C-alpha atoms as a PDB file:
ATOM      1  CA  MET A   1      91.981  91.699  89.524  1.00  0.00           C
ATOM      2  CA  SER A   2      95.776  90.708  88.767  1.00  0.00           C
ATOM      3  CA  ARG A   3      96.539  87.500  90.553  1.00  0.00           C
ATOM      4  CA  SER A   4      98.925  89.346  92.997  1.00  0.00           C
ATOM      5  CA  ARG A   5      96.986  92.164  93.840  1.00  0.00           C
ATOM      6  CA  LEU A   6      95.474  92.599  97.494  1.00  0.00           C
ATOM      7  CA  PRO A   7      91.173  91.772  97.135  1.00  0.00           C
ATOM      8  CA  ARG A   8      89.488  95.304  97.263  1.00  0.00           C
ATOM      9  CA  ILE A   9      86.333  94.377  99.073  1.00  0.00           C
ATOM     10  CA  LEU A  10      83.227  97.186  99.946  1.00  0.00           C
ATOM     11  CA  LEU A  11      81.155  96.506 102.367  1.00  0.00           C
ATOM     12  CA  THR A  12      77.914  98.528 103.238  1.00  0.00           C
ATOM     13  CA  SER A  13      76.356  99.112 106.387  1.00  0.00           C
ATOM     14  CA  GLY A  14      72.629  98.174 105.875  1.00  0.00           C
ATOM     15  CA  GLU A  15      69.667  99.252 107.672  1.00  0.00           C
ATOM     16  CA  PRO A  16      71.743 101.898 110.418  1.00  0.00           C
ATOM     17  CA  ALA A  17      68.852 100.838 113.213  1.00  0.00           C
ATOM     18  CA  GLY A  18      69.629  97.894 112.371  1.00  0.00           C
ATOM     19  CA  ILE A  19      72.637  95.176 113.514  1.00  0.00           C
ATOM     20  CA  GLY A  20      74.462  96.306 109.994  1.00  0.00           C
ATOM     21  CA  PRO A  21      76.956  98.460 112.151  1.00  0.00           C
ATOM     22  CA  ASP A  22      77.745  96.402 114.643  1.00  0.00           C
ATOM     23  CA  LEU A  23      78.304  93.414 112.093  1.00  0.00           C
ATOM     24  CA  CYS A  24      81.382  96.465 110.254  1.00  0.00           C
ATOM     25  CA  VAL A  25      82.374  97.138 113.871  1.00  0.00           C
ATOM     26  CA  LEU A  26      83.185  93.307 114.640  1.00  0.00           C
ATOM     27  CA  ALA A  27      84.648  92.988 111.078  1.00  0.00           C
ATOM     28  CA  ALA A  28      87.156  94.904 112.096  1.00  0.00           C
ATOM     29  CA  GLN A  29      88.475  93.507 115.226  1.00  0.00           C
ATOM     30  CA  ARG A  30      90.043  91.171 113.701  1.00  0.00           C
ATOM     31  CA  PRO A  31      92.494  91.322 110.200  1.00  0.00           C
ATOM     32  CA  HIS A  32      90.995  89.441 107.083  1.00  0.00           C
ATOM     33  CA  SER A  33      92.868  88.918 103.936  1.00  0.00           C
ATOM     34  CA  CYS A  34      91.819  91.610 101.995  1.00  0.00           C
ATOM     35  CA  ASP A  35      91.761  95.771 101.601  1.00  0.00           C
ATOM     36  CA  LEU A  36      88.216  96.062 103.713  1.00  0.00           C
ATOM     37  CA  THR A  37      86.475  99.351 103.732  1.00  0.00           C
ATOM     38  CA  VAL A  38      83.251 100.385 104.700  1.00  0.00           C
ATOM     39  CA  LEU A  39      80.557 102.218 103.617  1.00  0.00           C
ATOM     40  CA  ALA A  40      78.747 104.286 106.645  1.00  0.00           C
ATOM     41  CA  ASP A  41      78.146 107.060 107.835  1.00  0.00           C
ATOM     42  CA  PRO A  42      81.380 107.281 110.828  1.00  0.00           C
ATOM     43  CA  GLU A  43      79.547 108.699 113.314  1.00  0.00           C
ATOM     44  CA  LEU A  44      77.026 105.902 113.114  1.00  0.00           C
ATOM     45  CA  LEU A  45      80.112 103.330 113.517  1.00  0.00           C
ATOM     46  CA  ALA A  46      81.842 105.690 116.339  1.00  0.00           C
ATOM     47  CA  ASP A  47      78.059 105.740 118.442  1.00  0.00           C
ATOM     48  CA  ARG A  48      77.766 101.574 117.841  1.00  0.00           C
ATOM     49  CA  ALA A  49      81.094 100.692 118.746  1.00  0.00           C
ATOM     50  CA  ASP A  50      81.131 102.619 122.190  1.00  0.00           C
ATOM     51  CA  ARG A  51      77.511 100.564 122.656  1.00  0.00           C
ATOM     52  CA  LEU A  52      79.475  97.656 122.010  1.00  0.00           C
ATOM     53  CA  GLY A  53      82.682  98.221 124.202  1.00  0.00           C
ATOM     54  CA  GLN A  54      84.972  97.888 121.217  1.00  0.00           C
ATOM     55  CA  GLY A  55      88.052  99.734 120.697  1.00  0.00           C
ATOM     56  CA  LEU A  56      88.055 101.008 117.153  1.00  0.00           C
ATOM     57  CA  ARG A  57      90.126 103.538 114.942  1.00  0.00           C
ATOM     58  CA  ILE A  58      87.671 105.443 112.100  1.00  0.00           C
ATOM     59  CA  GLU A  59      90.254 106.306 108.697  1.00  0.00           C
ATOM     60  CA  ARG A  60      88.173 108.084 106.449  1.00  0.00           C
ATOM     61  CA  VAL A  61      89.023 107.297 103.137  1.00  0.00           C
ATOM     62  CA  SER A  62      88.219 107.992  99.244  1.00  0.00           C
ATOM     63  CA  ALA A  63      87.628 104.703  96.735  1.00  0.00           C
ATOM     64  CA  ASP A  64      91.210 106.080  95.043  1.00  0.00           C
ATOM     65  CA  GLU A  65      93.607 105.378  97.557  1.00  0.00           C
ATOM     66  CA  PRO A  66      96.069 102.305  97.346  1.00  0.00           C
ATOM     67  CA  PRO A  67      95.205  99.197  98.464  1.00  0.00           C
ATOM     68  CA  ARG A  68      96.289  97.935 102.171  1.00  0.00           C
ATOM     69  CA  PRO A  69      95.205  95.067 104.164  1.00  0.00           C
ATOM     70  CA  GLN A  70      92.780  95.133 107.420  1.00  0.00           C
ATOM     71  CA  GLN A  71      94.173  95.446 110.363  1.00  0.00           C
ATOM     72  CA  SER A  72      92.703  95.104 113.862  1.00  0.00           C
ATOM     73  CA  GLY A  73      91.194  97.329 115.754  1.00  0.00           C
ATOM     74  CA  VAL A  74      90.857  99.644 112.596  1.00  0.00           C
ATOM     75  CA  LEU A  75      88.146  99.976 109.745  1.00  0.00           C
ATOM     76  CA  ARG A  76      88.533 101.722 106.778  1.00  0.00           C
ATOM     77  CA  VAL A  77      85.202 104.061 106.056  1.00  0.00           C
ATOM     78  CA  TRP A  78      83.766 105.616 102.931  1.00  0.00           C
ATOM     79  CA  SER A  79      81.940 107.919 104.358  1.00  0.00           C
ATOM     80  CA  VAL A  80      78.530 108.493 103.639  1.00  0.00           C
ATOM     81  CA  HIS A  81      76.679 110.650 105.949  1.00  0.00           C
ATOM     82  CA  GLY A  82      72.735 110.302 107.024  1.00  0.00           C
ATOM     83  CA  ALA A  83      72.625 108.291 109.762  1.00  0.00           C
ATOM     84  CA  ALA A  84      74.392 110.030 112.469  1.00  0.00           C
ATOM     85  CA  ALA A  85      71.467 110.594 114.434  1.00  0.00           C
ATOM     86  CA  SER A  86      69.703 106.921 113.768  1.00  0.00           C
ATOM     87  CA  ARG A  87      68.663 104.804 117.319  1.00  0.00           C
ATOM     88  CA  CYS A  88      69.199 101.021 117.713  1.00  0.00           C
ATOM     89  CA  GLY A  89      66.237  99.135 116.606  1.00  0.00           C
ATOM     90  CA  VAL A  90      64.052 102.463 115.779  1.00  0.00           C
ATOM     91  CA  LEU A  91      63.450 102.522 112.251  1.00  0.00           C
ATOM     92  CA  ASP A  92      63.191 105.853 110.383  1.00  0.00           C
ATOM     93  CA  THR A  93      61.578 106.752 106.865  1.00  0.00           C
ATOM     94  CA  ALA A  94      64.202 109.655 106.765  1.00  0.00           C
ATOM     95  CA  THR A  95      67.582 107.225 106.777  1.00  0.00           C
ATOM     96  CA  ALA A  96      65.883 105.341 103.357  1.00  0.00           C
ATOM     97  CA  PRO A  97      67.903 107.846 100.770  1.00  0.00           C
ATOM     98  CA  TYR A  98      71.407 107.431 102.893  1.00  0.00           C
ATOM     99  CA  VAL A  99      70.553 102.900 102.531  1.00  0.00           C
ATOM    100  CA  LEU A 100      70.111 103.237  98.477  1.00  0.00           C
ATOM    101  CA  GLU A 101      73.256 105.749  98.353  1.00  0.00           C
ATOM    102  CA  LEU A 102      75.374 103.330 100.091  1.00  0.00           C
ATOM    103  CA  LEU A 103      74.399 100.552  97.546  1.00  0.00           C
ATOM    104  CA  ARG A 104      74.467 102.906  94.360  1.00  0.00           C
ATOM    105  CA  ARG A 105      78.598 103.648  95.666  1.00  0.00           C
ATOM    106  CA  GLY A 106      79.043 100.347  95.997  1.00  0.00           C
ATOM    107  CA  THR A 107      77.723  98.899  93.237  1.00  0.00           C
ATOM    108  CA  GLU A 108      79.250 101.960  91.076  1.00  0.00           C
ATOM    109  CA  ALA A 109      82.686 101.225  92.728  1.00  0.00           C
ATOM    110  CA  CYS A 110      82.711  97.574  91.697  1.00  0.00           C
ATOM    111  CA  LEU A 111      81.207  98.099  88.203  1.00  0.00           C
ATOM    112  CA  SER A 112      84.649 100.893  87.773  1.00  0.00           C
ATOM    113  CA  GLY A 113      86.955  98.081  88.643  1.00  0.00           C
ATOM    114  CA  ARG A 114      87.840 100.593  91.468  1.00  0.00           C
ATOM    115  CA  TYR A 115      86.900  97.456  94.179  1.00  0.00           C
ATOM    116  CA  ASP A 116      86.637  93.898  93.311  1.00  0.00           C
ATOM    117  CA  ALA A 117      83.188  92.727  95.071  1.00  0.00           C
ATOM    118  CA  LEU A 118      80.316  93.971  97.024  1.00  0.00           C
ATOM    119  CA  VAL A 119      79.560  92.524 100.492  1.00  0.00           C
ATOM    120  CA  THR A 120      76.014  93.652 101.765  1.00  0.00           C
ATOM    121  CA  ALA A 121      74.644  93.544 105.459  1.00  0.00           C
ATOM    122  CA  PRO A 122      70.933  93.455 105.701  1.00  0.00           C
ATOM    123  CA  VAL A 123      68.662  96.052 105.083  1.00  0.00           C
ATOM    124  CA  HIS A 124      64.749  96.626 105.920  1.00  0.00           C
ATOM    125  CA  LYS A 125      62.827  96.582 102.609  1.00  0.00           C
ATOM    126  CA  GLY A 126      59.594  97.810 104.510  1.00  0.00           C
ATOM    127  CA  ILE A 127      60.832 101.228 105.722  1.00  0.00           C
ATOM    128  CA  ILE A 128      62.437 102.086 102.210  1.00  0.00           C
ATOM    129  CA  ASN A 129      58.884 101.510 100.969  1.00  0.00           C
ATOM    130  CA  ASP A 130      57.277 103.492 103.857  1.00  0.00           C
ATOM    131  CA  ALA A 131      59.358 106.185 102.709  1.00  0.00           C
ATOM    132  CA  GLY A 132      57.703 106.499  99.233  1.00  0.00           C
ATOM    133  CA  ILE A 133      60.619 104.427  97.400  1.00  0.00           C
ATOM    134  CA  PRO A 134      59.460 101.571  95.177  1.00  0.00           C
ATOM    135  CA  PHE A 135      62.183  99.207  96.509  1.00  0.00           C
ATOM    136  CA  THR A 136      62.548  95.158  95.800  1.00  0.00           C
ATOM    137  CA  GLY A 137      65.130  94.073  97.380  1.00  0.00           C
ATOM    138  CA  HIS A 138      69.327  94.511  97.224  1.00  0.00           C
ATOM    139  CA  THR A 139      69.225  91.587  93.956  1.00  0.00           C
ATOM    140  CA  GLU A 140      66.648  93.108  92.181  1.00  0.00           C
ATOM    141  CA  PHE A 141      68.318  97.007  92.927  1.00  0.00           C
ATOM    142  CA  LEU A 142      71.728  95.452  91.500  1.00  0.00           C
ATOM    143  CA  ALA A 143      70.178  93.762  88.813  1.00  0.00           C
ATOM    144  CA  GLU A 144      68.565  97.271  87.829  1.00  0.00           C
ATOM    145  CA  MET A 145      71.914  98.807  87.782  1.00  0.00           C
ATOM    146  CA  THR A 146      74.224  96.230  86.585  1.00  0.00           C
ATOM    147  CA  GLY A 147      71.986  95.147  83.685  1.00  0.00           C
ATOM    148  CA  GLY A 148      72.401  91.748  85.013  1.00  0.00           C
ATOM    149  CA  TRP A 149      70.271  88.484  85.131  1.00  0.00           C
ATOM    150  CA  PRO A 150      70.364  87.822  88.583  1.00  0.00           C
ATOM    151  CA  VAL A 151      70.314  83.851  90.503  1.00  0.00           C
ATOM    152  CA  MET A 152      69.905  83.552  93.809  1.00  0.00           C
ATOM    153  CA  MET A 153      72.083  80.894  95.753  1.00  0.00           C
ATOM    154  CA  LEU A 154      72.753  79.962  99.270  1.00  0.00           C
ATOM    155  CA  ALA A 155      76.230  78.878 100.246  1.00  0.00           C
ATOM    156  CA  THR A 156      77.398  77.263 103.696  1.00  0.00           C
ATOM    157  CA  PRO A 157      80.769  75.297 103.964  1.00  0.00           C
ATOM    158  CA  GLY A 158      80.138  71.857 101.925  1.00  0.00           C
ATOM    159  CA  LEU A 159      76.558  72.910 100.280  1.00  0.00           C
ATOM    160  CA  ARG A 160      75.584  75.379  97.446  1.00  0.00           C
ATOM    161  CA  VAL A 161      71.932  75.754  96.929  1.00  0.00           C
ATOM    162  CA  ALA A 162      70.784  77.723  93.839  1.00  0.00           C
ATOM    163  CA  LEU A 163      67.068  78.494  93.303  1.00  0.00           C
ATOM    164  CA  ALA A 164      65.007  78.386  90.066  1.00  0.00           C
ATOM    165  CA  THR A 165      62.028  80.415  91.146  1.00  0.00           C
ATOM    166  CA  THR A 166      62.608  82.989  94.570  1.00  0.00           C
ATOM    167  CA  HIS A 167      60.220  84.911  96.416  1.00  0.00           C
ATOM    168  CA  LEU A 168      56.746  83.801  95.031  1.00  0.00           C
ATOM    169  CA  PRO A 169      53.847  82.037  96.543  1.00  0.00           C
ATOM    170  CA  LEU A 170      53.836  78.518  95.797  1.00  0.00           C
ATOM    171  CA  ALA A 171      50.373  78.333  94.110  1.00  0.00           C
ATOM    172  CA  GLN A 172      52.912  80.241  91.495  1.00  0.00           C
ATOM    173  CA  VAL A 173      55.357  78.474  91.011  1.00  0.00           C
ATOM    174  CA  SER A 174      54.521  75.986  88.643  1.00  0.00           C
ATOM    175  CA  ALA A 175      53.572  78.284  86.086  1.00  0.00           C
ATOM    176  CA  ALA A 176      56.871  80.159  86.590  1.00  0.00           C
ATOM    177  CA  VAL A 177      59.073  76.927  85.914  1.00  0.00           C
ATOM    178  CA  THR A 178      59.082  77.655  82.210  1.00  0.00           C
ATOM    179  CA  ARG A 179      61.716  76.292  79.713  1.00  0.00           C
ATOM    180  CA  GLU A 180      63.182  79.549  78.856  1.00  0.00           C
ATOM    181  CA  ARG A 181      63.737  80.424  82.531  1.00  0.00           C
ATOM    182  CA  LEU A 182      65.158  77.029  83.776  1.00  0.00           C
ATOM    183  CA  GLN A 183      67.566  76.626  80.749  1.00  0.00           C
ATOM    184  CA  ARG A 184      69.251  80.356  81.845  1.00  0.00           C
ATOM    185  CA  VAL A 185      68.905  79.829  85.251  1.00  0.00           C
ATOM    186  CA  LEU A 186      71.386  76.727  84.368  1.00  0.00           C
ATOM    187  CA  GLU A 187      73.547  78.520  81.730  1.00  0.00           C
ATOM    188  CA  VAL A 188      74.289  81.042  84.639  1.00  0.00           C
ATOM    189  CA  LEU A 189      74.766  78.543  87.639  1.00  0.00           C
ATOM    190  CA  ASP A 190      76.975  76.203  85.062  1.00  0.00           C
ATOM    191  CA  ARG A 191      79.226  79.918  83.644  1.00  0.00           C
ATOM    192  CA  GLU A 192      79.410  81.245  87.428  1.00  0.00           C
ATOM    193  CA  LEU A 193      80.655  78.146  88.950  1.00  0.00           C
ATOM    194  CA  ARG A 194      83.378  78.182  86.313  1.00  0.00           C
ATOM    195  CA  LEU A 195      83.975  81.595  86.684  1.00  0.00           C
ATOM    196  CA  ARG A 196      83.732  83.185  89.686  1.00  0.00           C
ATOM    197  CA  PHE A 197      84.494  80.067  91.753  1.00  0.00           C
ATOM    198  CA  GLY A 198      87.050  78.181  89.100  1.00  0.00           C
ATOM    199  CA  ILE A 199      85.107  74.891  89.017  1.00  0.00           C
ATOM    200  CA  GLY A 200      86.294  73.567  85.712  1.00  0.00           C
ATOM    201  CA  SER A 201      83.876  71.089  85.157  1.00  0.00           C
ATOM    202  CA  PRO A 202      80.561  72.334  87.801  1.00  0.00           C
ATOM    203  CA  ARG A 203      78.589  68.816  88.265  1.00  0.00           C
ATOM    204  CA  ILE A 204      75.162  70.404  89.002  1.00  0.00           C
ATOM    205  CA  LEU A 205      72.179  68.050  90.858  1.00  0.00           C
ATOM    206  CA  VAL A 206      68.807  69.449  89.547  1.00  0.00           C
ATOM    207  CA  CYS A 207      65.471  68.871  91.934  1.00  0.00           C
ATOM    208  CA  GLY A 208      62.320  67.848  90.449  1.00  0.00           C
ATOM    209  CA  LEU A 209      58.787  70.000  91.359  1.00  0.00           C
ATOM    210  CA  ASN A 210      56.646  67.323  92.286  1.00  0.00           C
ATOM    211  CA  PRO A 211      57.448  64.279  94.717  1.00  0.00           C
ATOM    212  CA  HIS A 212      59.173  61.723  94.202  1.00  0.00           C
ATOM    213  CA  ALA A 213      59.931  63.943  90.977  1.00  0.00           C
ATOM    214  CA  GLY A 214      56.583  63.696  89.497  1.00  0.00           C
ATOM    215  CA  GLU A 215      56.491  59.640  89.494  1.00  0.00           C
ATOM    216  CA  GLY A 216      56.577  59.205  85.642  1.00  0.00           C
ATOM    217  CA  GLY A 217      54.086  61.725  84.933  1.00  0.00           C
ATOM    218  CA  HIS A 218      51.270  60.075  88.353  1.00  0.00           C
ATOM    219  CA  LEU A 219      52.092  63.256  90.468  1.00  0.00           C
ATOM    220  CA  GLY A 220      52.893  66.260  88.362  1.00  0.00           C
ATOM    221  CA  ARG A 221      54.227  66.349  84.345  1.00  0.00           C
ATOM    222  CA  GLU A 222      56.526  69.281  85.238  1.00  0.00           C
ATOM    223  CA  GLU A 223      59.430  67.176  85.046  1.00  0.00           C
ATOM    224  CA  LEU A 224      58.702  65.689  82.092  1.00  0.00           C
ATOM    225  CA  GLU A 225      57.342  67.959  80.072  1.00  0.00           C
ATOM    226  CA  VAL A 226      59.869  71.396  81.206  1.00  0.00           C
ATOM    227  CA  ILE A 227      62.496  70.033  83.404  1.00  0.00           C
ATOM    228  CA  GLY A 228      64.035  66.810  81.954  1.00  0.00           C
ATOM    229  CA  PRO A 229      63.194  68.345  78.510  1.00  0.00           C
ATOM    230  CA  VAL A 230      65.416  71.550  79.572  1.00  0.00           C
ATOM    231  CA  LEU A 231      68.468  69.051  80.882  1.00  0.00           C
ATOM    232  CA  GLU A 232      68.814  66.636  77.994  1.00  0.00           C
ATOM    233  CA  GLY A 233      69.509  70.126  75.724  1.00  0.00           C
ATOM    234  CA  LEU A 234      71.765  71.409  78.330  1.00  0.00           C
ATOM    235  CA  ARG A 235      73.228  68.190  78.583  1.00  0.00           C
ATOM    236  CA  ALA A 236      73.970  67.401  74.431  1.00  0.00           C
ATOM    237  CA  GLY A 237      75.461  71.089  74.812  1.00  0.00           C
ATOM    238  CA  GLY A 238      78.017  69.951  77.812  1.00  0.00           C
ATOM    239  CA  MET A 239      76.707  70.299  81.091  1.00  0.00           C
ATOM    240  CA  ASP A 240      77.242  67.899  83.986  1.00  0.00           C
ATOM    241  CA  LEU A 241      73.731  68.060  85.231  1.00  0.00           C
ATOM    242  CA  GLN A 242      71.640  65.004  87.090  1.00  0.00           C
ATOM    243  CA  GLY A 243      68.009  65.619  87.447  1.00  0.00           C
ATOM    244  CA  PRO A 244      65.355  65.622  87.739  1.00  0.00           C
ATOM    245  CA  LEU A 245      65.760  64.323  91.389  1.00  0.00           C
ATOM    246  CA  PRO A 246      63.035  63.678  94.183  1.00  0.00           C
ATOM    247  CA  ALA A 247      64.283  66.361  96.300  1.00  0.00           C
ATOM    248  CA  ASP A 248      63.941  64.327  99.280  1.00  0.00           C
ATOM    249  CA  THR A 249      66.830  62.271  98.317  1.00  0.00           C
ATOM    250  CA  ALA A 250      68.691  65.080  96.498  1.00  0.00           C
ATOM    251  CA  PHE A 251      70.518  66.634  99.622  1.00  0.00           C
ATOM    252  CA  VAL A 252      71.673  62.812 100.885  1.00  0.00           C
ATOM    253  CA  PRO A 253      75.307  63.008 101.691  1.00  0.00           C
ATOM    254  CA  SER A 254      75.686  60.264  98.699  1.00  0.00           C
ATOM    255  CA  GLN A 255      74.341  62.574  96.315  1.00  0.00           C
ATOM    256  CA  LEU A 256      76.022  65.855  97.499  1.00  0.00           C
ATOM    257  CA  GLU A 257      79.458  64.367  97.733  1.00  0.00           C
ATOM    258  CA  GLN A 258      79.533  64.297  93.942  1.00  0.00           C
ATOM    259  CA  ALA A 259      78.229  67.772  93.787  1.00  0.00           C
ATOM    260  CA  ASP A 260      79.357  71.264  93.551  1.00  0.00           C
ATOM    261  CA  ALA A 261      75.845  72.668  93.482  1.00  0.00           C
ATOM    262  CA  VAL A 262      72.087  71.719  93.880  1.00  0.00           C
ATOM    263  CA  LEU A 263      69.261  73.685  91.812  1.00  0.00           C
ATOM    264  CA  ALA A 264      65.633  73.894  93.491  1.00  0.00           C
ATOM    265  CA  MET A 265      62.731  74.954  92.114  1.00  0.00           C
ATOM    266  CA  TYR A 266      61.697  77.226  94.846  1.00  0.00           C
ATOM    267  CA  HIS A 267      62.580  78.577  98.332  1.00  0.00           C
ATOM    268  CA  ASP A 268      61.461  76.730 100.769  1.00  0.00           C
ATOM    269  CA  GLN A 269      62.783  73.461  98.680  1.00  0.00           C
ATOM    270  CA  GLY A 270      66.303  74.294  99.493  1.00  0.00           C
ATOM    271  CA  LEU A 271      67.252  75.871 102.068  1.00  0.00           C
ATOM    272  CA  PRO A 272      65.768  74.681 104.506  1.00  0.00           C
ATOM    273  CA  VAL A 273      68.023  72.007 104.153  1.00  0.00           C
ATOM    274  CA  LEU A 274      70.995  74.190 103.464  1.00  0.00           C
ATOM    275  CA  LYS A 275      69.947  76.789 106.758  1.00  0.00           C
ATOM    276  CA  HIS A 276      69.578  73.737 108.510  1.00  0.00           C
ATOM    277  CA  LEU A 277      72.948  72.563 107.843  1.00  0.00           C
ATOM    278  CA  GLY A 278      74.677  76.009 108.249  1.00  0.00           C
ATOM    279  CA  PHE A 279      72.494  78.947 109.510  1.00  0.00           C
ATOM    280  CA  GLY A 280      74.539  81.817 111.147  1.00  0.00           C
ATOM    281  CA  ARG A 281      77.153  80.286 108.381  1.00  0.00           C
ATOM    282  CA  ALA A 282      75.944  80.647 105.423  1.00  0.00           C
ATOM    283  CA  VAL A 283      75.909  83.454 102.532  1.00  0.00           C
ATOM    284  CA  ASN A 284      73.536  84.515 100.023  1.00  0.00           C
ATOM    285  CA  ILE A 285      75.397  84.830  96.118  1.00  0.00           C
ATOM    286  CA  THR A 286      73.869  86.851  93.520  1.00  0.00           C
ATOM    287  CA  LEU A 287      74.941  85.359  90.798  1.00  0.00           C
ATOM    288  CA  GLY A 288      74.074  86.717  86.975  1.00  0.00           C
ATOM    289  CA  LEU A 289      75.571  90.294  87.981  1.00  0.00           C
ATOM    290  CA  PRO A 290      78.824  92.063  85.911  1.00  0.00           C
ATOM    291  CA  ILE A 291      80.434  92.103  89.911  1.00  0.00           C
ATOM    292  CA  ILE A 292      80.451  89.837  92.764  1.00  0.00           C
ATOM    293  CA  ARG A 293      78.336  90.460  95.459  1.00  0.00           C
ATOM    294  CA  THR A 294      77.506  88.740  98.643  1.00  0.00           C
ATOM    295  CA  SER A 295      75.516  88.899 101.725  1.00  0.00           C
ATOM    296  CA  VAL A 296      74.246  87.696 104.775  1.00  0.00           C
ATOM    297  CA  ASP A 297      71.934  85.392 105.554  1.00  0.00           C
ATOM    298  CA  HIS A 298      69.542  86.916 107.965  1.00  0.00           C
ATOM    299  CA  GLY A 299      67.723  89.690 108.443  1.00  0.00           C
ATOM    300  CA  THR A 300      68.269  93.188 110.236  1.00  0.00           C
ATOM    301  CA  ALA A 301      67.634  92.403 113.650  1.00  0.00           C
ATOM    302  CA  LEU A 302      66.351  95.258 115.519  1.00  0.00           C
ATOM    303  CA  ASP A 303      66.159  93.928 118.622  1.00  0.00           C
ATOM    304  CA  ARG A 304      70.015  93.204 118.805  1.00  0.00           C
ATOM    305  CA  ALA A 305      71.339  96.222 117.260  1.00  0.00           C
ATOM    306  CA  GLY A 306      73.982  97.586 120.648  1.00  0.00           C
ATOM    307  CA  THR A 307      73.292  95.019 122.757  1.00  0.00           C
ATOM    308  CA  GLY A 308      76.279  92.704 121.706  1.00  0.00           C
ATOM    309  CA  ARG A 309      73.585  89.957 121.212  1.00  0.00           C
ATOM    310  CA  ILE A 310      75.217  88.760 117.826  1.00  0.00           C
ATOM    311  CA  ASP A 311      76.833  85.764 115.825  1.00  0.00           C
ATOM    312  CA  SER A 312      78.742  87.507 112.839  1.00  0.00           C
ATOM    313  CA  GLY A 313      79.338  84.079 111.274  1.00  0.00           C
ATOM    314  CA  SER A 314      77.328  84.814 108.522  1.00  0.00           C
ATOM    315  CA  LEU A 315      78.942  87.935 107.839  1.00  0.00           C
ATOM    316  CA  ASP A 316      82.653  86.557 108.543  1.00  0.00           C
ATOM    317  CA  TYR A 317      81.536  83.536 105.666  1.00  0.00           C
ATOM    318  CA  ALA A 318      80.314  86.628 103.607  1.00  0.00           C
ATOM    319  CA  LEU A 319      83.595  88.528 103.364  1.00  0.00           C
ATOM    320  CA  GLU A 320      85.514  85.046 102.846  1.00  0.00           C
ATOM    321  CA  THR A 321      83.359  84.081 100.294  1.00  0.00           C
ATOM    322  CA  ALA A 322      83.835  87.370  98.394  1.00  0.00           C
ATOM    323  CA  ILE A 323      87.608  86.774  99.008  1.00  0.00           C
ATOM    324  CA  HIS A 324      87.683  83.462  97.164  1.00  0.00           C
ATOM    325  CA  MET A 325      85.223  84.725  94.476  1.00  0.00           C
ATOM    326  CA  ALA A 326      87.594  87.419  93.579  1.00  0.00           C
ATOM    327  CA  GLN A 327      90.829  85.340  93.425  1.00  0.00           C
ATOM    328  CA  ALA A 328      88.975  82.665  91.473  1.00  0.00           C
ATOM    329  CA  SER A 329      87.907  85.455  88.905  1.00  0.00           C
ATOM    330  CA  GLY A 330      91.622  87.282  88.615  1.00  0.00           C
ATOM    331  CA  ARG A 331      92.642  83.536  87.957  1.00  0.00           C
ATOM    332  CA  GLU A 332      90.773  82.973  84.969  1.00  0.00           C
ATOM    333  CA  VAL A 333      90.812  86.180  83.658  1.00  0.00           C
ATOM    334  CA  ALA A 334      95.204  85.809  83.618  1.00  0.00           C
ATOM    335  CA  ALA A 335      94.287  81.686  82.076  1.00  0.00           C
ATOM    336  CA  ALA A 336      92.271  83.516  79.351  1.00  0.00           C
END
């Protein structure tokens, strides 16, 4: 993206029975500093706007139209049909191909350079699998399409937390934290903070795995045998890495104010802190892909679809983050 061009952002509407379409309708009610296009069934969005009592003018567009700023009350929609008959809160296996088509088109459009970032509303993994389509999640789907090596990072104003491992049973975490994996995660995290966030020399806090970061081997040896040696080797290559740190003190303000990101060893080591700080205004970012992808930090909320009882704060922040990442990436390219 050139430094002067308006960022082009694609938003997928997600599971049609959930609140994804509601979030798209709400996003259209205010201007954004980007060219925002939604991938969705336009009839589904029109129905959801009526249910929410929101005025909405839908403009059907193609992927090749010139960019224009988002205007209040107007939603530019790249039409994907197959969800018009969806009912709020009622899952239907027949819509699974539609949901995956949203992701496929969005990813291909970003890979081709026609769009600068992909923002995803939540999907329902269970109903896609019930339809007979193997599906682990957004991240794995995007990694397979793009050939990337993904690292999950959540962010809220004032805190970024990346994960060395993601959705694993706790009993499997220690075996998964290998030297090879940890080194690759940190290399991706450092590179993406530079490229996607414009941070010249990222400072990363790295949590230990065990209580008190192993307490010199008395509470576990992963810090001595795996984490410490990896950090030492990467520091020698120029990375600014602090740790391994006890996780119970890594998140205190005096530590965080000097850090650009924290790397947690497992899901529930880092994310409870972030969600306590910023639930409803947090974003899920997939690092390590050749495209920019952000997402909301919540699920489909089937019971709230069409009711108006939702908070769009997470989507707002996902859009803001995608715009910032696209602009930072453009500056990096221009400077290269």
